[in-house]
């Protein structure tokens, strides 16, 4: 019987490296001679961010990270280039900064219905490419409906905070693992891979984990 490895990914929708890491992991997984069961877990990089931040990406990083505006612009241009190298068309001028708690709750709802990976892709694209406001529950309900979730059910779950405890449980588990930055990949519950590594790194670690499971 083929071995399917568990892959647990801690990430934040507002993290540009997490979307890049997602693409690199997917390429590494495509080159892996095996199967994986992928689950996304919640991690809030800036939980103190207001839902409606009044300003641009440059304003946010300048205010929240203490960086000079020109330094921020140079950094964003570098990240944009790296994103383009994996097929992602980032538009930092469109980004609507917001707290990502509600988006993480939506991902937990999607997980229960078997469409978490599809919604994760939708959320990343909405945030970094399309400039949509993923802090607003109405926008999240629309995105959830796009991947087959019931819009009214999603709206009710987000407004009532049904999955708030699940989000916090993910964050608590990240602390147990010692995760302080995302993306962070836990492969087969044994191997931790930090950051947006090259696809070959993911392929190698997945292969090693599978071989060890098979006693090779």
C-alpha atoms as a PDB file:
ATOM      1  CA  UNK A   1       0.000   0.000   0.000  1.00  0.00           C
ATOM      2  CA  UNK A   2       1.480   3.402  -0.954  1.00  0.00           C
ATOM      3  CA  UNK A   3       2.693   5.591   1.887  1.00  0.00           C
ATOM      4  CA  UNK A   4       1.041   9.010   2.180  1.00  0.00           C
ATOM      5  CA  UNK A   5       3.081  11.424   4.243  1.00  0.00           C
ATOM      6  CA  UNK A   6       1.481  14.072   6.414  1.00  0.00           C
ATOM      7  CA  UNK A   7       2.654  17.586   5.552  1.00  0.00           C
ATOM      8  CA  UNK A   8       1.678  20.327   7.984  1.00  0.00           C
ATOM      9  CA  UNK A   9       2.320  23.886   6.839  1.00  0.00           C
ATOM     10  CA  UNK A  10       2.244  26.864   9.162  1.00  0.00           C
ATOM     11  CA  UNK A  11       1.706  30.055   7.198  1.00  0.00           C
ATOM     12  CA  UNK A  12      -0.027  33.420   7.121  1.00  0.00           C
ATOM     13  CA  UNK A  13      -2.017  34.701   4.170  1.00  0.00           C
ATOM     14  CA  UNK A  14      -0.364  38.118   4.555  1.00  0.00           C
ATOM     15  CA  UNK A  15       3.123  36.593   4.248  1.00  0.00           C
ATOM     16  CA  UNK A  16       4.595  36.998   0.732  1.00  0.00           C
ATOM     17  CA  UNK A  17       7.135  34.248   1.387  1.00  0.00           C
ATOM     18  CA  UNK A  18       4.353  31.832   2.322  1.00  0.00           C
ATOM     19  CA  UNK A  19       2.789  32.051  -1.148  1.00  0.00           C
ATOM     20  CA  UNK A  20       6.226  31.679  -2.730  1.00  0.00           C
ATOM     21  CA  UNK A  21       6.928  28.749  -0.410  1.00  0.00           C
ATOM     22  CA  UNK A  22       3.607  27.188  -1.405  1.00  0.00           C
ATOM     23  CA  UNK A  23       4.614  27.222  -5.065  1.00  0.00           C
ATOM     24  CA  UNK A  24       8.088  25.842  -4.355  1.00  0.00           C
ATOM     25  CA  UNK A  25       6.689  23.085  -2.165  1.00  0.00           C
ATOM     26  CA  UNK A  26       4.157  22.161  -4.857  1.00  0.00           C
ATOM     27  CA  UNK A  27       6.968  21.829  -7.386  1.00  0.00           C
ATOM     28  CA  UNK A  28       8.971  19.718  -4.976  1.00  0.00           C
ATOM     29  CA  UNK A  29       5.944  17.535  -4.285  1.00  0.00           C
ATOM     30  CA  UNK A  30       5.360  17.075  -8.022  1.00  0.00           C
ATOM     31  CA  UNK A  31       8.859  15.583  -8.299  1.00  0.00           C
ATOM     32  CA  UNK A  32       8.312  13.314  -5.293  1.00  0.00           C
ATOM     33  CA  UNK A  33       7.626   9.669  -6.067  1.00  0.00           C
ATOM     34  CA  UNK A  34       4.916   9.352  -3.477  1.00  0.00           C
ATOM     35  CA  UNK A  35       1.837  10.963  -1.965  1.00  0.00           C
ATOM     36  CA  UNK A  36       1.270  13.597   0.696  1.00  0.00           C
ATOM     37  CA  UNK A  37      -1.679  14.728   2.794  1.00  0.00           C
ATOM     38  CA  UNK A  38      -1.240  18.509   3.099  1.00  0.00           C
ATOM     39  CA  UNK A  39      -2.818  20.607   5.856  1.00  0.00           C
ATOM     40  CA  UNK A  40      -2.471  24.345   6.379  1.00  0.00           C
ATOM     41  CA  UNK A  41      -2.182  25.675   9.914  1.00  0.00           C
ATOM     42  CA  UNK A  42      -2.722  29.181  11.231  1.00  0.00           C
ATOM     43  CA  UNK A  43       0.007  31.635  12.135  1.00  0.00           C
ATOM     44  CA  UNK A  44      -0.571  35.372  12.558  1.00  0.00           C
ATOM     45  CA  UNK A  45       2.525  37.417  11.839  1.00  0.00           C
ATOM     46  CA  UNK A  46       0.928  40.699  12.937  1.00  0.00           C
ATOM     47  CA  UNK A  47      -2.121  39.998  15.104  1.00  0.00           C
ATOM     48  CA  UNK A  48      -2.202  43.660  16.169  1.00  0.00           C
ATOM     49  CA  UNK A  49      -2.909  44.802  12.613  1.00  0.00           C
ATOM     50  CA  UNK A  50      -6.307  46.549  12.398  1.00  0.00           C
ATOM     51  CA  UNK A  51      -8.882  44.978  10.102  1.00  0.00           C
ATOM     52  CA  UNK A  52      -8.965  48.220   8.139  1.00  0.00           C
ATOM     53  CA  UNK A  53      -5.396  49.471   8.020  1.00  0.00           C
ATOM     54  CA  UNK A  54      -5.311  52.924   6.466  1.00  0.00           C
ATOM     55  CA  UNK A  55      -2.270  52.896   4.240  1.00  0.00           C
ATOM     56  CA  UNK A  56      -0.167  51.093   1.660  1.00  0.00           C
ATOM     57  CA  UNK A  57       2.213  48.152   1.947  1.00  0.00           C
ATOM     58  CA  UNK A  58       5.069  50.626   2.244  1.00  0.00           C
ATOM     59  CA  UNK A  59       3.212  52.505   4.983  1.00  0.00           C
ATOM     60  CA  UNK A  60       2.550  49.291   6.874  1.00  0.00           C
ATOM     61  CA  UNK A  61       6.116  48.019   6.824  1.00  0.00           C
ATOM     62  CA  UNK A  62       7.461  51.454   7.643  1.00  0.00           C
ATOM     63  CA  UNK A  63       5.160  51.797  10.649  1.00  0.00           C
ATOM     64  CA  UNK A  64       5.128  48.216  11.899  1.00  0.00           C
ATOM     65  CA  UNK A  65       8.647  47.089  11.067  1.00  0.00           C
ATOM     66  CA  UNK A  66      10.511  50.340  11.617  1.00  0.00           C
ATOM     67  CA  UNK A  67      12.071  50.287   8.152  1.00  0.00           C
ATOM     68  CA  UNK A  68      12.824  53.306   5.977  1.00  0.00           C
ATOM     69  CA  UNK A  69      10.391  53.758   3.047  1.00  0.00           C
ATOM     70  CA  UNK A  70      13.108  53.438   0.402  1.00  0.00           C
ATOM     71  CA  UNK A  71      14.436  50.288   2.059  1.00  0.00           C
ATOM     72  CA  UNK A  72      10.916  48.867   2.029  1.00  0.00           C
ATOM     73  CA  UNK A  73      10.476  49.645  -1.676  1.00  0.00           C
ATOM     74  CA  UNK A  74      13.745  47.919  -2.548  1.00  0.00           C
ATOM     75  CA  UNK A  75      12.805  44.883  -0.462  1.00  0.00           C
ATOM     76  CA  UNK A  76       9.367  44.618  -2.069  1.00  0.00           C
ATOM     77  CA  UNK A  77      10.876  44.813  -5.533  1.00  0.00           C
ATOM     78  CA  UNK A  78      13.234  41.955  -4.680  1.00  0.00           C
ATOM     79  CA  UNK A  79      10.359  39.867  -3.334  1.00  0.00           C
ATOM     80  CA  UNK A  80       8.268  40.678  -6.400  1.00  0.00           C
ATOM     81  CA  UNK A  81      11.068  39.365  -8.610  1.00  0.00           C
ATOM     82  CA  UNK A  82      11.365  36.146  -6.635  1.00  0.00           C
ATOM     83  CA  UNK A  83       7.591  35.674  -6.790  1.00  0.00           C
ATOM     84  CA  UNK A  84       7.701  36.152 -10.569  1.00  0.00           C
ATOM     85  CA  UNK A  85      10.348  33.434 -10.817  1.00  0.00           C
ATOM     86  CA  UNK A  86       7.798  30.897  -9.529  1.00  0.00           C
ATOM     87  CA  UNK A  87       4.956  32.236 -11.659  1.00  0.00           C
ATOM     88  CA  UNK A  88       3.321  34.644  -9.201  1.00  0.00           C
ATOM     89  CA  UNK A  89       2.400  38.171 -10.256  1.00  0.00           C
ATOM     90  CA  UNK A  90       2.526  40.172  -7.024  1.00  0.00           C
ATOM     91  CA  UNK A  91       0.990  43.646  -6.938  1.00  0.00           C
ATOM     92  CA  UNK A  92       2.117  45.196  -3.680  1.00  0.00           C
ATOM     93  CA  UNK A  93       0.493  48.494  -4.665  1.00  0.00           C
ATOM     94  CA  UNK A  94      -2.903  46.771  -4.443  1.00  0.00           C
ATOM     95  CA  UNK A  95      -2.419  44.996  -1.110  1.00  0.00           C
ATOM     96  CA  UNK A  96      -5.095  45.770   1.499  1.00  0.00           C
ATOM     97  CA  UNK A  97      -3.440  45.226   4.846  1.00  0.00           C
ATOM     98  CA  UNK A  98      -5.643  43.608   7.437  1.00  0.00           C
ATOM     99  CA  UNK A  99      -5.632  41.197  10.326  1.00  0.00           C
ATOM    100  CA  UNK A 100      -5.783  37.637   8.976  1.00  0.00           C
ATOM    101  CA  UNK A 101      -7.677  35.988  11.856  1.00  0.00           C
ATOM    102  CA  UNK A 102     -10.927  35.688   9.893  1.00  0.00           C
ATOM    103  CA  UNK A 103      -9.105  34.272   6.858  1.00  0.00           C
ATOM    104  CA  UNK A 104      -7.529  31.595   9.055  1.00  0.00           C
ATOM    105  CA  UNK A 105     -10.937  30.702  10.426  1.00  0.00           C
ATOM    106  CA  UNK A 106     -12.215  30.331   6.872  1.00  0.00           C
ATOM    107  CA  UNK A 107      -9.379  27.895   6.152  1.00  0.00           C
ATOM    108  CA  UNK A 108     -10.444  25.733   9.093  1.00  0.00           C
ATOM    109  CA  UNK A 109     -14.002  25.647   7.766  1.00  0.00           C
ATOM    110  CA  UNK A 110     -12.655  24.721   4.335  1.00  0.00           C
ATOM    111  CA  UNK A 111     -10.596  21.924   5.863  1.00  0.00           C
ATOM    112  CA  UNK A 112     -13.744  20.346   7.310  1.00  0.00           C
ATOM    113  CA  UNK A 113     -15.249  20.313   3.825  1.00  0.00           C
ATOM    114  CA  UNK A 114     -12.180  19.030   1.994  1.00  0.00           C
ATOM    115  CA  UNK A 115     -11.359  22.210   0.071  1.00  0.00           C
ATOM    116  CA  UNK A 116      -8.699  23.814   2.267  1.00  0.00           C
ATOM    117  CA  UNK A 117      -5.967  23.729  -0.383  1.00  0.00           C
ATOM    118  CA  UNK A 118      -8.264  25.343  -2.918  1.00  0.00           C
ATOM    119  CA  UNK A 119      -9.242  28.127  -0.523  1.00  0.00           C
ATOM    120  CA  UNK A 120      -5.628  28.745   0.522  1.00  0.00           C
ATOM    121  CA  UNK A 121      -4.770  29.355  -3.122  1.00  0.00           C
ATOM    122  CA  UNK A 122      -7.758  31.661  -3.522  1.00  0.00           C
ATOM    123  CA  UNK A 123      -6.835  33.682  -0.440  1.00  0.00           C
ATOM    124  CA  UNK A 124      -3.190  34.147  -1.392  1.00  0.00           C
ATOM    125  CA  UNK A 125      -4.135  35.240  -4.906  1.00  0.00           C
ATOM    126  CA  UNK A 126      -6.839  37.548  -3.595  1.00  0.00           C
ATOM    127  CA  UNK A 127      -4.376  39.243  -1.260  1.00  0.00           C
ATOM    128  CA  UNK A 128      -1.171  39.516  -3.280  1.00  0.00           C
ATOM    129  CA  UNK A 129      -2.450  39.582  -6.861  1.00  0.00           C
ATOM    130  CA  UNK A 130      -5.985  40.945  -6.871  1.00  0.00           C
ATOM    131  CA  UNK A 131      -5.876  43.405  -3.969  1.00  0.00           C
ATOM    132  CA  UNK A 132      -9.059  42.108  -2.344  1.00  0.00           C
ATOM    133  CA  UNK A 133      -9.854  42.781   1.328  1.00  0.00           C
ATOM    134  CA  UNK A 134      -9.561  39.416   3.066  1.00  0.00           C
ATOM    135  CA  UNK A 135     -10.257  40.939   6.468  1.00  0.00           C
ATOM    136  CA  UNK A 136     -13.919  41.500   5.616  1.00  0.00           C
ATOM    137  CA  UNK A 137     -16.174  38.500   6.197  1.00  0.00           C
ATOM    138  CA  UNK A 138     -18.328  39.297   3.149  1.00  0.00           C
ATOM    139  CA  UNK A 139     -15.250  39.112   0.898  1.00  0.00           C
ATOM    140  CA  UNK A 140     -14.137  35.874   2.552  1.00  0.00           C
ATOM    141  CA  UNK A 141     -17.594  34.375   2.082  1.00  0.00           C
ATOM    142  CA  UNK A 142     -17.416  35.208  -1.629  1.00  0.00           C
ATOM    143  CA  UNK A 143     -14.001  33.556  -1.922  1.00  0.00           C
ATOM    144  CA  UNK A 144     -15.240  30.510  -0.015  1.00  0.00           C
ATOM    145  CA  UNK A 145     -18.207  30.206  -2.353  1.00  0.00           C
ATOM    146  CA  UNK A 146     -15.794  30.211  -5.289  1.00  0.00           C
ATOM    147  CA  UNK A 147     -14.329  26.911  -4.048  1.00  0.00           C
ATOM    148  CA  UNK A 148     -17.711  25.333  -3.375  1.00  0.00           C
ATOM    149  CA  UNK A 149     -18.452  26.276   0.222  1.00  0.00           C
ATOM    150  CA  UNK A 150     -21.877  27.518   1.195  1.00  0.00           C
ATOM    151  CA  UNK A 151     -21.673  31.297   1.367  1.00  0.00           C
ATOM    152  CA  UNK A 152     -24.302  31.752   4.092  1.00  0.00           C
ATOM    153  CA  UNK A 153     -22.766  29.013   6.234  1.00  0.00           C
ATOM    154  CA  UNK A 154     -19.319  30.578   5.841  1.00  0.00           C
ATOM    155  CA  UNK A 155     -20.618  34.005   6.781  1.00  0.00           C
ATOM    156  CA  UNK A 156     -22.343  32.632   9.876  1.00  0.00           C
ATOM    157  CA  UNK A 157     -19.220  30.750  10.985  1.00  0.00           C
ATOM    158  CA  UNK A 158     -16.990  33.785  10.560  1.00  0.00           C
ATOM    159  CA  UNK A 159     -19.369  36.195  12.274  1.00  0.00           C
ATOM    160  CA  UNK A 160     -19.753  33.863  15.260  1.00  0.00           C
ATOM    161  CA  UNK A 161     -16.056  32.990  15.535  1.00  0.00           C
ATOM    162  CA  UNK A 162     -16.755  29.264  15.304  1.00  0.00           C
ATOM    163  CA  UNK A 163     -13.159  28.432  14.418  1.00  0.00           C
ATOM    164  CA  UNK A 164     -11.348  30.952  16.618  1.00  0.00           C
ATOM    165  CA  UNK A 165     -10.250  28.224  19.044  1.00  0.00           C
ATOM    166  CA  UNK A 166      -8.953  26.087  16.186  1.00  0.00           C
ATOM    167  CA  UNK A 167      -6.830  29.006  14.994  1.00  0.00           C
ATOM    168  CA  UNK A 168      -5.432  29.510  18.483  1.00  0.00           C
ATOM    169  CA  UNK A 169      -4.686  25.783  18.786  1.00  0.00           C
ATOM    170  CA  UNK A 170      -2.561  26.026  15.630  1.00  0.00           C
ATOM    171  CA  UNK A 171      -0.708  29.023  17.023  1.00  0.00           C
ATOM    172  CA  UNK A 172      -0.132  27.208  20.322  1.00  0.00           C
ATOM    173  CA  UNK A 173       1.229  24.177  18.464  1.00  0.00           C
ATOM    174  CA  UNK A 174       3.600  26.432  16.544  1.00  0.00           C
ATOM    175  CA  UNK A 175       4.973  27.638  19.869  1.00  0.00           C
ATOM    176  CA  UNK A 176       5.472  24.048  20.999  1.00  0.00           C
ATOM    177  CA  UNK A 177       7.453  23.352  17.825  1.00  0.00           C
ATOM    178  CA  UNK A 178       9.454  26.533  18.327  1.00  0.00           C
ATOM    179  CA  UNK A 179       8.190  28.109  15.101  1.00  0.00           C
ATOM    180  CA  UNK A 180       8.941  31.825  15.062  1.00  0.00           C
ATOM    181  CA  UNK A 181       8.707  32.538  11.330  1.00  0.00           C
ATOM    182  CA  UNK A 182       6.673  31.246   8.417  1.00  0.00           C
ATOM    183  CA  UNK A 183       6.340  29.403   6.168  1.00  0.00           C
ATOM    184  CA  UNK A 184       7.334  26.362   8.186  1.00  0.00           C
ATOM    185  CA  UNK A 185       6.800  22.828   6.916  1.00  0.00           C
ATOM    186  CA  UNK A 186       6.580  19.759   9.159  1.00  0.00           C
ATOM    187  CA  UNK A 187       6.974  16.602   7.087  1.00  0.00           C
ATOM    188  CA  UNK A 188       5.742  13.294   8.470  1.00  0.00           C
ATOM    189  CA  UNK A 189       5.650  14.832  11.942  1.00  0.00           C
ATOM    190  CA  UNK A 190       9.437  14.507  12.154  1.00  0.00           C
ATOM    191  CA  UNK A 191      11.194  16.857   9.771  1.00  0.00           C
ATOM    192  CA  UNK A 192      10.966  20.629   9.999  1.00  0.00           C
ATOM    193  CA  UNK A 193      11.755  22.651   6.894  1.00  0.00           C
ATOM    194  CA  UNK A 194      11.819  26.428   7.447  1.00  0.00           C
ATOM    195  CA  UNK A 195      11.227  29.022   4.760  1.00  0.00           C
ATOM    196  CA  UNK A 196      10.599  29.016   1.020  1.00  0.00           C
ATOM    197  CA  UNK A 197      13.262  26.444   0.161  1.00  0.00           C
ATOM    198  CA  UNK A 198      14.126  25.292  -3.336  1.00  0.00           C
ATOM    199  CA  UNK A 199      11.780  22.575  -4.662  1.00  0.00           C
ATOM    200  CA  UNK A 200      14.626  20.047  -4.613  1.00  0.00           C
ATOM    201  CA  UNK A 201      14.926  20.425  -0.844  1.00  0.00           C
ATOM    202  CA  UNK A 202      11.289  19.446  -0.360  1.00  0.00           C
ATOM    203  CA  UNK A 203      11.640  16.520  -2.746  1.00  0.00           C
ATOM    204  CA  UNK A 204      14.713  15.295  -0.886  1.00  0.00           C
ATOM    205  CA  UNK A 205      13.169  15.499   2.574  1.00  0.00           C
ATOM    206  CA  UNK A 206       9.908  13.899   1.424  1.00  0.00           C
ATOM    207  CA  UNK A 207      11.870  11.060  -0.159  1.00  0.00           C
ATOM    208  CA  UNK A 208      13.955  10.570   2.963  1.00  0.00           C
ATOM    209  CA  UNK A 209      10.868  10.491   5.182  1.00  0.00           C
ATOM    210  CA  UNK A 210       9.141   7.991   2.891  1.00  0.00           C
ATOM    211  CA  UNK A 211      12.185   5.723   2.698  1.00  0.00           C
ATOM    212  CA  UNK A 212      12.554   5.705   6.456  1.00  0.00           C
ATOM    213  CA  UNK A 213       8.887   4.810   6.824  1.00  0.00           C
ATOM    214  CA  UNK A 214       9.394   1.898   4.461  1.00  0.00           C
ATOM    215  CA  UNK A 215      12.498   0.815   6.310  1.00  0.00           C
ATOM    216  CA  UNK A 216      14.807   1.715   3.456  1.00  0.00           C
END
